[in-house]
Amino acid sequence: MNETFIPKVAKRGAEIISVMKKSSAPSAANAACDHMHDWWVGTKPGEYASMGIISDGNTYGVAPGLIYSFPVECKNGEWKVVNGLKIDEFSQKKMKETEAELIEERKMALNI
């Protein structure tokens, strides 16, 4: 996970540019289309989508006031956070690292 998967995901934009010899923007646009599809059409029963939403009131321990990716179920154009999923120690650590990065980015953006 740490040696192969995470570094590959972190460098996926650069890899797309290297292989395709063009911008990775279409890949990001495709992800946005997939996101909107899930929101509009809905997720299949028992399946989740990952959506960046405001973290206020979440049950995963993420600080409030951040746009953070949570598991959601979508139905009839509405989304609902899926609470109570078991998060292993490795994933909890990664979630806290992401939270800290987002808090720092917010501070930089607000110049505080």
PDB file of N, CA and C in Angstrom:
ATOM      1  N   MET A   1       0.823  -1.190   0.000  1.00  0.00           N
ATOM      2  CA  MET A   1       0.000   0.000   0.000  1.00  0.00           C
ATOM      3  C   MET A   1       0.872   1.261   0.000  1.00  0.00           C
ATOM      4  N   ASN A   2       1.812   1.329   0.939  1.00  0.00           N
ATOM      5  CA  ASN A   2       2.651   2.527   1.054  1.00  0.00           C
ATOM      6  C   ASN A   2       3.689   2.651  -0.052  1.00  0.00           C
ATOM      7  N   GLU A   3       4.225   1.508  -0.516  1.00  0.00           N
ATOM      8  CA  GLU A   3       5.298   1.570  -1.499  1.00  0.00           C
ATOM      9  C   GLU A   3       4.798   1.646  -2.943  1.00  0.00           C
ATOM     10  N   THR A   4       3.613   1.124  -3.221  1.00  0.00           N
ATOM     11  CA  THR A   4       3.153   1.054  -4.601  1.00  0.00           C
ATOM     12  C   THR A   4       1.899   1.888  -4.845  1.00  0.00           C
ATOM     13  N   PHE A   5       0.811   1.559  -4.171  1.00  0.00           N
ATOM     14  CA  PHE A   5      -0.486   2.160  -4.483  1.00  0.00           C
ATOM     15  C   PHE A   5      -0.538   3.665  -4.198  1.00  0.00           C
ATOM     16  N   ILE A   6      -0.192   4.064  -2.991  1.00  0.00           N
ATOM     17  CA  ILE A   6      -0.307   5.480  -2.615  1.00  0.00           C
ATOM     18  C   ILE A   6       0.586   6.369  -3.472  1.00  0.00           C
ATOM     19  N   PRO A   7       1.863   6.014  -3.680  1.00  0.00           N
ATOM     20  CA  PRO A   7       2.682   6.855  -4.566  1.00  0.00           C
ATOM     21  C   PRO A   7       2.135   6.913  -6.002  1.00  0.00           C
ATOM     22  N   LYS A   8       1.586   5.804  -6.495  1.00  0.00           N
ATOM     23  CA  LYS A   8       1.041   5.788  -7.860  1.00  0.00           C
ATOM     24  C   LYS A   8      -0.160   6.730  -7.967  1.00  0.00           C
ATOM     25  N   VAL A   9      -1.041   6.688  -6.989  1.00  0.00           N
ATOM     26  CA  VAL A   9      -2.209   7.575  -6.993  1.00  0.00           C
ATOM     27  C   VAL A   9      -1.756   9.030  -6.891  1.00  0.00           C
ATOM     28  N   ALA A  10      -0.769   9.286  -6.050  1.00  0.00           N
ATOM     29  CA  ALA A  10      -0.281  10.653  -5.862  1.00  0.00           C
ATOM     30  C   ALA A  10       0.317  11.232  -7.140  1.00  0.00           C
ATOM     31  N   LYS A  11       0.855  10.370  -8.003  1.00  0.00           N
ATOM     32  CA  LYS A  11       1.523  10.836  -9.228  1.00  0.00           C
ATOM     33  C   LYS A  11       0.708  10.566 -10.484  1.00  0.00           C
ATOM     34  N   ARG A  12      -0.579  10.265 -10.336  1.00  0.00           N
ATOM     35  CA  ARG A  12      -1.372   9.864 -11.495  1.00  0.00           C
ATOM     36  C   ARG A  12      -1.506  10.973 -12.534  1.00  0.00           C
ATOM     37  N   GLY A  13      -1.594  12.226 -12.108  1.00  0.00           N
ATOM     38  CA  GLY A  13      -1.694  13.323 -13.070  1.00  0.00           C
ATOM     39  C   GLY A  13      -0.461  13.412 -13.950  1.00  0.00           C
ATOM     40  N   ALA A  14       0.703  13.348 -13.322  1.00  0.00           N
ATOM     41  CA  ALA A  14       1.959  13.401 -14.076  1.00  0.00           C
ATOM     42  C   ALA A  14       2.090  12.196 -15.003  1.00  0.00           C
ATOM     43  N   GLU A  15       1.624  11.034 -14.543  1.00  0.00           N
ATOM     44  CA  GLU A  15       1.714   9.833 -15.379  1.00  0.00           C
ATOM     45  C   GLU A  15       0.819   9.963 -16.611  1.00  0.00           C
ATOM     46  N   ILE A  16      -0.370  10.511 -16.433  1.00  0.00           N
ATOM     47  CA  ILE A  16      -1.270  10.715 -17.572  1.00  0.00           C
ATOM     48  C   ILE A  16      -0.627  11.652 -18.585  1.00  0.00           C
ATOM     49  N   ILE A  17      -0.027  12.730 -18.095  1.00  0.00           N
ATOM     50  CA  ILE A  17       0.635  13.681 -18.986  1.00  0.00           C
ATOM     51  C   ILE A  17       1.784  12.993 -19.718  1.00  0.00           C
ATOM     52  N   SER A  18       2.557  12.181 -19.007  1.00  0.00           N
ATOM     53  CA  SER A  18       3.699  11.490 -19.612  1.00  0.00           C
ATOM     54  C   SER A  18       3.257  10.501 -20.686  1.00  0.00           C
ATOM     55  N   VAL A  19       2.234   9.723 -20.402  1.00  0.00           N
ATOM     56  CA  VAL A  19       1.779   8.679 -21.330  1.00  0.00           C
ATOM     57  C   VAL A  19       1.001   9.271 -22.498  1.00  0.00           C
ATOM     58  N   MET A  20       0.076  10.163 -22.190  1.00  0.00           N
ATOM     59  CA  MET A  20      -0.814  10.697 -23.224  1.00  0.00           C
ATOM     60  C   MET A  20      -0.233  11.899 -23.956  1.00  0.00           C
ATOM     61  N   LYS A  21       0.810  12.478 -23.393  1.00  0.00           N
ATOM     62  CA  LYS A  21       1.437  13.680 -23.969  1.00  0.00           C
ATOM     63  C   LYS A  21       0.458  14.854 -24.032  1.00  0.00           C
ATOM     64  N   LYS A  22      -0.470  14.888 -23.077  1.00  0.00           N
ATOM     65  CA  LYS A  22      -1.385  16.018 -22.974  1.00  0.00           C
ATOM     66  C   LYS A  22      -1.878  16.144 -21.544  1.00  0.00           C
ATOM     67  N   SER A  23      -2.613  17.171 -21.292  1.00  0.00           N
ATOM     68  CA  SER A  23      -3.078  17.502 -19.948  1.00  0.00           C
ATOM     69  C   SER A  23      -3.893  16.385 -19.315  1.00  0.00           C
ATOM     70  N   SER A  24      -3.821  16.327 -17.979  1.00  0.00           N
ATOM     71  CA  SER A  24      -4.649  15.380 -17.233  1.00  0.00           C
ATOM     72  C   SER A  24      -6.029  15.962 -16.940  1.00  0.00           C
ATOM     73  N   ALA A  25      -6.324  17.156 -17.441  1.00  0.00           N
ATOM     74  CA  ALA A  25      -7.621  17.802 -17.198  1.00  0.00           C
ATOM     75  C   ALA A  25      -8.808  16.946 -17.644  1.00  0.00           C
ATOM     76  N   PRO A  26      -8.740  16.251 -18.799  1.00  0.00           N
ATOM     77  CA  PRO A  26      -9.876  15.400 -19.162  1.00  0.00           C
ATOM     78  C   PRO A  26     -10.157  14.298 -18.129  1.00  0.00           C
ATOM     79  N   SER A  27      -9.111  13.799 -17.491  1.00  0.00           N
ATOM     80  CA  SER A  27      -9.305  12.790 -16.444  1.00  0.00           C
ATOM     81  C   SER A  27     -10.067  13.390 -15.265  1.00  0.00           C
ATOM     82  N   ALA A  28      -9.694  14.606 -14.883  1.00  0.00           N
ATOM     83  CA  ALA A  28     -10.397  15.295 -13.799  1.00  0.00           C
ATOM     84  C   ALA A  28     -11.835  15.601 -14.213  1.00  0.00           C
ATOM     85  N   ALA A  29     -12.022  15.984 -15.457  1.00  0.00           N
ATOM     86  CA  ALA A  29     -13.376  16.263 -15.946  1.00  0.00           C
ATOM     87  C   ALA A  29     -14.227  14.999 -15.931  1.00  0.00           C
ATOM     88  N   ASN A  30     -13.633  13.873 -16.304  1.00  0.00           N
ATOM     89  CA  ASN A  30     -14.355  12.597 -16.277  1.00  0.00           C
ATOM     90  C   ASN A  30     -14.764  12.246 -14.844  1.00  0.00           C
ATOM     91  N   ALA A  31     -13.879  12.491 -13.896  1.00  0.00           N
ATOM     92  CA  ALA A  31     -14.205  12.230 -12.491  1.00  0.00           C
ATOM     93  C   ALA A  31     -15.369  13.117 -12.041  1.00  0.00           C
ATOM     94  N   ALA A  32     -15.376  14.376 -12.481  1.00  0.00           N
ATOM     95  CA  ALA A  32     -16.481  15.274 -12.143  1.00  0.00           C
ATOM     96  C   ALA A  32     -17.789  14.775 -12.753  1.00  0.00           C
ATOM     97  N   CYS A  33     -17.723  14.273 -13.970  1.00  0.00           N
ATOM     98  CA  CYS A  33     -18.928  13.709 -14.612  1.00  0.00           C
ATOM     99  C   CYS A  33     -19.433  12.483 -13.859  1.00  0.00           C
ATOM    100  N   ASP A  34     -18.523  11.611 -13.448  1.00  0.00           N
ATOM    101  CA  ASP A  34     -18.907  10.435 -12.670  1.00  0.00           C
ATOM    102  C   ASP A  34     -19.571  10.854 -11.357  1.00  0.00           C
ATOM    103  N   HIS A  35     -19.013  11.866 -10.731  1.00  0.00           N
ATOM    104  CA  HIS A  35     -19.561  12.393  -9.481  1.00  0.00           C
ATOM    105  C   HIS A  35     -21.002  12.869  -9.683  1.00  0.00           C
ATOM    106  N   MET A  36     -21.205  13.670 -10.711  1.00  0.00           N
ATOM    107  CA  MET A  36     -22.547  14.201 -10.982  1.00  0.00           C
ATOM    108  C   MET A  36     -23.517  13.080 -11.365  1.00  0.00           C
ATOM    109  N   HIS A  37     -23.031  12.086 -12.083  1.00  0.00           N
ATOM    110  CA  HIS A  37     -23.865  10.946 -12.446  1.00  0.00           C
ATOM    111  C   HIS A  37     -24.380  10.244 -11.192  1.00  0.00           C
ATOM    112  N   ASP A  38     -23.465   9.951 -10.266  1.00  0.00           N
ATOM    113  CA  ASP A  38     -23.875   9.281  -9.028  1.00  0.00           C
ATOM    114  C   ASP A  38     -24.884  10.122  -8.256  1.00  0.00           C
ATOM    115  N   TRP A  39     -24.649  11.424  -8.210  1.00  0.00           N
ATOM    116  CA  TRP A  39     -25.536  12.324  -7.471  1.00  0.00           C
ATOM    117  C   TRP A  39     -26.920  12.360  -8.119  1.00  0.00           C
ATOM    118  N   TRP A  40     -26.949  12.456  -9.443  1.00  0.00           N
ATOM    119  CA  TRP A  40     -28.222  12.591 -10.156  1.00  0.00           C
ATOM    120  C   TRP A  40     -28.974  11.258 -10.277  1.00  0.00           C
ATOM    121  N   VAL A  41     -28.265  10.216 -10.725  1.00  0.00           N
ATOM    122  CA  VAL A  41     -28.889   8.920 -10.977  1.00  0.00           C
ATOM    123  C   VAL A  41     -29.027   8.111  -9.693  1.00  0.00           C
ATOM    124  N   GLY A  42     -28.080   8.296  -8.779  1.00  0.00           N
ATOM    125  CA  GLY A  42     -28.097   7.566  -7.516  1.00  0.00           C
ATOM    126  C   GLY A  42     -27.076   6.451  -7.504  1.00  0.00           C
ATOM    127  N   THR A  43     -26.725   6.054  -6.311  1.00  0.00           N
ATOM    128  CA  THR A  43     -25.819   4.925  -6.146  1.00  0.00           C
ATOM    129  C   THR A  43     -26.655   3.650  -6.064  1.00  0.00           C
ATOM    130  N   LYS A  44     -26.064   2.549  -6.456  1.00  0.00           N
ATOM    131  CA  LYS A  44     -26.761   1.267  -6.372  1.00  0.00           C
ATOM    132  C   LYS A  44     -26.935   0.895  -4.903  1.00  0.00           C
ATOM    133  N   PRO A  45     -27.998   0.188  -4.569  1.00  0.00           N
ATOM    134  CA  PRO A  45     -28.199  -0.225  -3.177  1.00  0.00           C
ATOM    135  C   PRO A  45     -26.976  -0.951  -2.623  1.00  0.00           C
ATOM    136  N   GLY A  46     -26.537  -0.510  -1.454  1.00  0.00           N
ATOM    137  CA  GLY A  46     -25.374  -1.118  -0.817  1.00  0.00           C
ATOM    138  C   GLY A  46     -24.043  -0.599  -1.307  1.00  0.00           C
ATOM    139  N   GLU A  47     -24.046   0.303  -2.300  1.00  0.00           N
ATOM    140  CA  GLU A  47     -22.807   0.883  -2.800  1.00  0.00           C
ATOM    141  C   GLU A  47     -22.732   2.347  -2.387  1.00  0.00           C
ATOM    142  N   TYR A  48     -21.509   2.864  -2.324  1.00  0.00           N
ATOM    143  CA  TYR A  48     -21.272   4.239  -1.918  1.00  0.00           C
ATOM    144  C   TYR A  48     -20.500   4.975  -3.001  1.00  0.00           C
ATOM    145  N   ALA A  49     -20.631   6.275  -2.968  1.00  0.00           N
ATOM    146  CA  ALA A  49     -19.774   7.142  -3.769  1.00  0.00           C
ATOM    147  C   ALA A  49     -18.956   7.958  -2.777  1.00  0.00           C
ATOM    148  N   SER A  50     -17.877   8.526  -3.239  1.00  0.00           N
ATOM    149  CA  SER A  50     -17.059   9.392  -2.409  1.00  0.00           C
ATOM    150  C   SER A  50     -17.286  10.813  -2.888  1.00  0.00           C
ATOM    151  N   MET A  51     -17.737  11.691  -1.971  1.00  0.00           N
ATOM    152  CA  MET A  51     -18.023  13.075  -2.353  1.00  0.00           C
ATOM    153  C   MET A  51     -17.383  14.044  -1.382  1.00  0.00           C
ATOM    154  N   GLY A  52     -16.807  15.090  -1.942  1.00  0.00           N
ATOM    155  CA  GLY A  52     -16.243  16.162  -1.135  1.00  0.00           C
ATOM    156  C   GLY A  52     -17.371  17.062  -0.659  1.00  0.00           C
ATOM    157  N   ILE A  53     -17.624  17.023   0.641  1.00  0.00           N
ATOM    158  CA  ILE A  53     -18.709  17.814   1.230  1.00  0.00           C
ATOM    159  C   ILE A  53     -18.192  18.499   2.492  1.00  0.00           C
ATOM    160  N   ILE A  54     -18.960  19.435   3.019  1.00  0.00           N
ATOM    161  CA  ILE A  54     -18.563  20.118   4.244  1.00  0.00           C
ATOM    162  C   ILE A  54     -18.532  19.105   5.390  1.00  0.00           C
ATOM    163  N   SER A  55     -17.509  19.184   6.198  1.00  0.00           N
ATOM    164  CA  SER A  55     -17.289  18.182   7.243  1.00  0.00           C
ATOM    165  C   SER A  55     -18.090  18.426   8.521  1.00  0.00           C
ATOM    166  N   ASP A  56     -18.868  19.481   8.561  1.00  0.00           N
ATOM    167  CA  ASP A  56     -19.641  19.795   9.764  1.00  0.00           C
ATOM    168  C   ASP A  56     -20.554  18.637  10.156  1.00  0.00           C
ATOM    169  N   GLY A  57     -20.485  18.230  11.434  1.00  0.00           N
ATOM    170  CA  GLY A  57     -21.378  17.207  11.953  1.00  0.00           C
ATOM    171  C   GLY A  57     -21.065  15.782  11.537  1.00  0.00           C
ATOM    172  N   ASN A  58     -19.893  15.528  10.976  1.00  0.00           N
ATOM    173  CA  ASN A  58     -19.569  14.159  10.550  1.00  0.00           C
ATOM    174  C   ASN A  58     -19.260  13.284  11.753  1.00  0.00           C
ATOM    175  N   THR A  59     -19.394  11.982  11.570  1.00  0.00           N
ATOM    176  CA  THR A  59     -19.130  11.032  12.655  1.00  0.00           C
ATOM    177  C   THR A  59     -17.760  10.374  12.528  1.00  0.00           C
ATOM    178  N   TYR A  60     -16.932  10.859  11.616  1.00  0.00           N
ATOM    179  CA  TYR A  60     -15.616  10.262  11.393  1.00  0.00           C
ATOM    180  C   TYR A  60     -14.491  11.028  12.087  1.00  0.00           C
ATOM    181  N   GLY A  61     -14.832  12.033  12.880  1.00  0.00           N
ATOM    182  CA  GLY A  61     -13.829  12.758  13.649  1.00  0.00           C
ATOM    183  C   GLY A  61     -13.053  13.797  12.871  1.00  0.00           C
ATOM    184  N   VAL A  62     -13.509  14.149  11.684  1.00  0.00           N
ATOM    185  CA  VAL A  62     -12.840  15.170  10.878  1.00  0.00           C
ATOM    186  C   VAL A  62     -13.275  16.542  11.380  1.00  0.00           C
ATOM    187  N   ALA A  63     -12.302  17.454  11.532  1.00  0.00           N
ATOM    188  CA  ALA A  63     -12.596  18.797  12.024  1.00  0.00           C
ATOM    189  C   ALA A  63     -13.676  19.464  11.181  1.00  0.00           C
ATOM    190  N   PRO A  64     -14.546  20.249  11.804  1.00  0.00           N
ATOM    191  CA  PRO A  64     -15.589  20.943  11.039  1.00  0.00           C
ATOM    192  C   PRO A  64     -15.008  22.044  10.150  1.00  0.00           C
ATOM    193  N   GLY A  65     -15.780  22.418   9.148  1.00  0.00           N
ATOM    194  CA  GLY A  65     -15.421  23.531   8.290  1.00  0.00           C
ATOM    195  C   GLY A  65     -14.491  23.195   7.137  1.00  0.00           C
ATOM    196  N   LEU A  66     -14.294  21.916   6.868  1.00  0.00           N
ATOM    197  CA  LEU A  66     -13.438  21.496   5.757  1.00  0.00           C
ATOM    198  C   LEU A  66     -14.283  20.860   4.665  1.00  0.00           C
ATOM    199  N   ILE A  67     -13.829  20.965   3.431  1.00  0.00           N
ATOM    200  CA  ILE A  67     -14.424  20.184   2.357  1.00  0.00           C
ATOM    201  C   ILE A  67     -13.612  18.897   2.316  1.00  0.00           C
ATOM    202  N   TYR A  68     -14.265  17.793   2.645  1.00  0.00           N
ATOM    203  CA  TYR A  68     -13.586  16.520   2.876  1.00  0.00           C
ATOM    204  C   TYR A  68     -14.386  15.427   2.186  1.00  0.00           C
ATOM    205  N   SER A  69     -13.720  14.414   1.717  1.00  0.00           N
ATOM    206  CA  SER A  69     -14.392  13.335   1.005  1.00  0.00           C
ATOM    207  C   SER A  69     -14.931  12.295   1.981  1.00  0.00           C
ATOM    208  N   PHE A  70     -16.237  12.069   1.905  1.00  0.00           N
ATOM    209  CA  PHE A  70     -16.902  11.085   2.752  1.00  0.00           C
ATOM    210  C   PHE A  70     -17.659  10.086   1.889  1.00  0.00           C
ATOM    211  N   PRO A  71     -17.894   8.891   2.436  1.00  0.00           N
ATOM    212  CA  PRO A  71     -18.737   7.934   1.710  1.00  0.00           C
ATOM    213  C   PRO A  71     -20.188   8.384   1.789  1.00  0.00           C
ATOM    214  N   VAL A  72     -20.856   8.406   0.643  1.00  0.00           N
ATOM    215  CA  VAL A  72     -22.253   8.834   0.611  1.00  0.00           C
ATOM    216  C   VAL A  72     -23.084   7.865  -0.219  1.00  0.00           C
ATOM    217  N   GLU A  73     -24.355   7.821   0.098  1.00  0.00           N
ATOM    218  CA  GLU A  73     -25.350   7.155  -0.726  1.00  0.00           C
ATOM    219  C   GLU A  73     -26.168   8.256  -1.377  1.00  0.00           C
ATOM    220  N   CYS A  74     -26.494   8.081  -2.641  1.00  0.00           N
ATOM    221  CA  CYS A  74     -27.269   9.075  -3.376  1.00  0.00           C
ATOM    222  C   CYS A  74     -28.576   8.451  -3.840  1.00  0.00           C
ATOM    223  N   LYS A  75     -29.648   9.227  -3.699  1.00  0.00           N
ATOM    224  CA  LYS A  75     -30.963   8.773  -4.140  1.00  0.00           C
ATOM    225  C   LYS A  75     -31.831   9.998  -4.389  1.00  0.00           C
ATOM    226  N   ASN A  76     -32.505  10.011  -5.538  1.00  0.00           N
ATOM    227  CA  ASN A  76     -33.421  11.097  -5.895  1.00  0.00           C
ATOM    228  C   ASN A  76     -32.756  12.477  -5.824  1.00  0.00           C
ATOM    229  N   GLY A  77     -31.514  12.564  -6.276  1.00  0.00           N
ATOM    230  CA  GLY A  77     -30.803  13.841  -6.298  1.00  0.00           C
ATOM    231  C   GLY A  77     -30.326  14.314  -4.937  1.00  0.00           C
ATOM    232  N   GLU A  78     -30.443  13.485  -3.924  1.00  0.00           N
ATOM    233  CA  GLU A  78     -30.007  13.841  -2.574  1.00  0.00           C
ATOM    234  C   GLU A  78     -28.856  12.912  -2.188  1.00  0.00           C
ATOM    235  N   TRP A  79     -27.989  13.384  -1.337  1.00  0.00           N
ATOM    236  CA  TRP A  79     -26.911  12.554  -0.823  1.00  0.00           C
ATOM    237  C   TRP A  79     -26.996  12.491   0.692  1.00  0.00           C
ATOM    238  N   LYS A  80     -26.481  11.398   1.234  1.00  0.00           N
ATOM    239  CA  LYS A  80     -26.476  11.203   2.682  1.00  0.00           C
ATOM    240  C   LYS A  80     -25.173  10.496   3.047  1.00  0.00           C
ATOM    241  N   VAL A  81     -24.471  11.036   4.049  1.00  0.00           N
ATOM    242  CA  VAL A  81     -23.228  10.409   4.493  1.00  0.00           C
ATOM    243  C   VAL A  81     -23.533   9.040   5.076  1.00  0.00           C
ATOM    244  N   VAL A  82     -22.716   8.071   4.715  1.00  0.00           N
ATOM    245  CA  VAL A  82     -22.823   6.726   5.276  1.00  0.00           C
ATOM    246  C   VAL A  82     -21.991   6.720   6.558  1.00  0.00           C
ATOM    247  N   ASN A  83     -22.660   6.631   7.687  1.00  0.00           N
ATOM    248  CA  ASN A  83     -21.978   6.642   8.976  1.00  0.00           C
ATOM    249  C   ASN A  83     -21.734   5.230   9.469  1.00  0.00           C
ATOM    250  N   GLY A  84     -20.773   5.094  10.360  1.00  0.00           N
ATOM    251  CA  GLY A  84     -20.552   3.828  11.038  1.00  0.00           C
ATOM    252  C   GLY A  84     -19.687   2.817  10.308  1.00  0.00           C
ATOM    253  N   LEU A  85     -19.072   3.215   9.199  1.00  0.00           N
ATOM    254  CA  LEU A  85     -18.173   2.268   8.534  1.00  0.00           C
ATOM    255  C   LEU A  85     -16.924   2.063   9.390  1.00  0.00           C
ATOM    256  N   LYS A  86     -16.445   0.837   9.437  1.00  0.00           N
ATOM    257  CA  LYS A  86     -15.255   0.524  10.218  1.00  0.00           C
ATOM    258  C   LYS A  86     -14.037   1.093   9.489  1.00  0.00           C
ATOM    259  N   ILE A  87     -13.249   1.869  10.203  1.00  0.00           N
ATOM    260  CA  ILE A  87     -12.046   2.471   9.639  1.00  0.00           C
ATOM    261  C   ILE A  87     -10.845   1.873  10.362  1.00  0.00           C
ATOM    262  N   ASP A  88      -9.982   1.180   9.624  1.00  0.00           N
ATOM    263  CA  ASP A  88      -8.820   0.562  10.267  1.00  0.00           C
ATOM    264  C   ASP A  88      -7.790   1.629  10.660  1.00  0.00           C
ATOM    265  N   GLU A  89      -6.813   1.213  11.441  1.00  0.00           N
ATOM    266  CA  GLU A  89      -5.816   2.139  11.981  1.00  0.00           C
ATOM    267  C   GLU A  89      -5.037   2.854  10.878  1.00  0.00           C
ATOM    268  N   PHE A  90      -4.653   2.125   9.835  1.00  0.00           N
ATOM    269  CA  PHE A  90      -3.921   2.721   8.714  1.00  0.00           C
ATOM    270  C   PHE A  90      -4.741   3.834   8.067  1.00  0.00           C
ATOM    271  N   SER A  91      -6.020   3.553   7.794  1.00  0.00           N
ATOM    272  CA  SER A  91      -6.887   4.537   7.146  1.00  0.00           C
ATOM    273  C   SER A  91      -7.151   5.726   8.061  1.00  0.00           C
ATOM    274  N   GLN A  92      -7.312   5.482   9.351  1.00  0.00           N
ATOM    275  CA  GLN A  92      -7.495   6.586  10.297  1.00  0.00           C
ATOM    276  C   GLN A  92      -6.299   7.526  10.267  1.00  0.00           C
ATOM    277  N   LYS A  93      -5.106   6.943  10.215  1.00  0.00           N
ATOM    278  CA  LYS A  93      -3.890   7.758  10.157  1.00  0.00           C
ATOM    279  C   LYS A  93      -3.872   8.600   8.886  1.00  0.00           C
ATOM    280  N   LYS A  94      -4.203   7.990   7.756  1.00  0.00           N
ATOM    281  CA  LYS A  94      -4.216   8.723   6.491  1.00  0.00           C
ATOM    282  C   LYS A  94      -5.289   9.823   6.504  1.00  0.00           C
ATOM    283  N   MET A  95      -6.430   9.533   7.119  1.00  0.00           N
ATOM    284  CA  MET A  95      -7.494  10.543   7.210  1.00  0.00           C
ATOM    285  C   MET A  95      -7.028  11.736   8.044  1.00  0.00           C
ATOM    286  N   LYS A  96      -6.335  11.487   9.137  1.00  0.00           N
ATOM    287  CA  LYS A  96      -5.821  12.574   9.985  1.00  0.00           C
ATOM    288  C   LYS A  96      -4.761  13.384   9.244  1.00  0.00           C
ATOM    289  N   GLU A  97      -3.915  12.719   8.455  1.00  0.00           N
ATOM    290  CA  GLU A  97      -2.917  13.436   7.661  1.00  0.00           C
ATOM    291  C   GLU A  97      -3.600  14.344   6.643  1.00  0.00           C
ATOM    292  N   THR A  98      -4.632  13.832   5.986  1.00  0.00           N
ATOM    293  CA  THR A  98      -5.377  14.626   5.008  1.00  0.00           C
ATOM    294  C   THR A  98      -6.053  15.813   5.696  1.00  0.00           C
ATOM    295  N   GLU A  99      -6.657  15.563   6.840  1.00  0.00           N
ATOM    296  CA  GLU A  99      -7.297  16.641   7.606  1.00  0.00           C
ATOM    297  C   GLU A  99      -6.286  17.738   7.932  1.00  0.00           C
ATOM    298  N   ALA A 100      -5.101  17.356   8.405  1.00  0.00           N
ATOM    299  CA  ALA A 100      -4.066  18.336   8.744  1.00  0.00           C
ATOM    300  C   ALA A 100      -3.639  19.137   7.512  1.00  0.00           C
ATOM    301  N   GLU A 101      -3.490  18.471   6.371  1.00  0.00           N
ATOM    302  CA  GLU A 101      -3.135  19.170   5.130  1.00  0.00           C
ATOM    303  C   GLU A 101      -4.213  20.174   4.746  1.00  0.00           C
ATOM    304  N   LEU A 102      -5.477  19.775   4.855  1.00  0.00           N
ATOM    305  CA  LEU A 102      -6.576  20.671   4.502  1.00  0.00           C
ATOM    306  C   LEU A 102      -6.643  21.873   5.437  1.00  0.00           C
ATOM    307  N   ILE A 103      -6.384  21.652   6.713  1.00  0.00           N
ATOM    308  CA  ILE A 103      -6.377  22.760   7.672  1.00  0.00           C
ATOM    309  C   ILE A 103      -5.260  23.741   7.322  1.00  0.00           C
ATOM    310  N   GLU A 104      -4.082  23.227   6.978  1.00  0.00           N
ATOM    311  CA  GLU A 104      -2.969  24.096   6.580  1.00  0.00           C
ATOM    312  C   GLU A 104      -3.284  24.844   5.291  1.00  0.00           C
ATOM    313  N   GLU A 105      -3.879  24.163   4.319  1.00  0.00           N
ATOM    314  CA  GLU A 105      -4.240  24.822   3.059  1.00  0.00           C
ATOM    315  C   GLU A 105      -5.278  25.912   3.301  1.00  0.00           C
ATOM    316  N   ARG A 106      -6.217  25.668   4.202  1.00  0.00           N
ATOM    317  CA  ARG A 106      -7.215  26.688   4.531  1.00  0.00           C
ATOM    318  C   ARG A 106      -6.532  27.904   5.151  1.00  0.00           C
ATOM    319  N   LYS A 107      -5.584  27.673   6.055  1.00  0.00           N
ATOM    320  CA  LYS A 107      -4.857  28.780   6.676  1.00  0.00           C
ATOM    321  C   LYS A 107      -4.120  29.607   5.629  1.00  0.00           C
ATOM    322  N   MET A 108      -3.473  28.898   4.675  1.00  0.00           N
ATOM    323  CA  MET A 108      -2.750  29.617   3.607  1.00  0.00           C
ATOM    324  C   MET A 108      -3.725  30.406   2.749  1.00  0.00           C
ATOM    325  N   ALA A 109      -4.847  29.793   2.403  1.00  0.00           N
ATOM    326  CA  ALA A 109      -5.812  30.466   1.532  1.00  0.00           C
ATOM    327  C   ALA A 109      -6.402  31.700   2.198  1.00  0.00           C
ATOM    328  N   LEU A 110      -6.620  31.612   3.509  1.00  0.00           N
ATOM    329  CA  LEU A 110      -7.195  32.739   4.243  1.00  0.00           C
ATOM    330  C   LEU A 110      -6.129  33.690   4.789  1.00  0.00           C
ATOM    331  N   ASN A 111      -4.862  33.316   4.539  1.00  0.00           N
ATOM    332  CA  ASN A 111      -3.722  34.121   4.975  1.00  0.00           C
ATOM    333  C   ASN A 111      -3.739  34.349   6.478  1.00  0.00           C
ATOM    334  N   ILE A 112      -3.935  33.247   7.221  1.00  0.00           N
ATOM    335  CA  ILE A 112      -3.931  33.360   8.693  1.00  0.00           C
ATOM    336  C   ILE A 112      -2.847  32.496   9.300  1.00  0.00           C
TER     337      ILE A 112
END
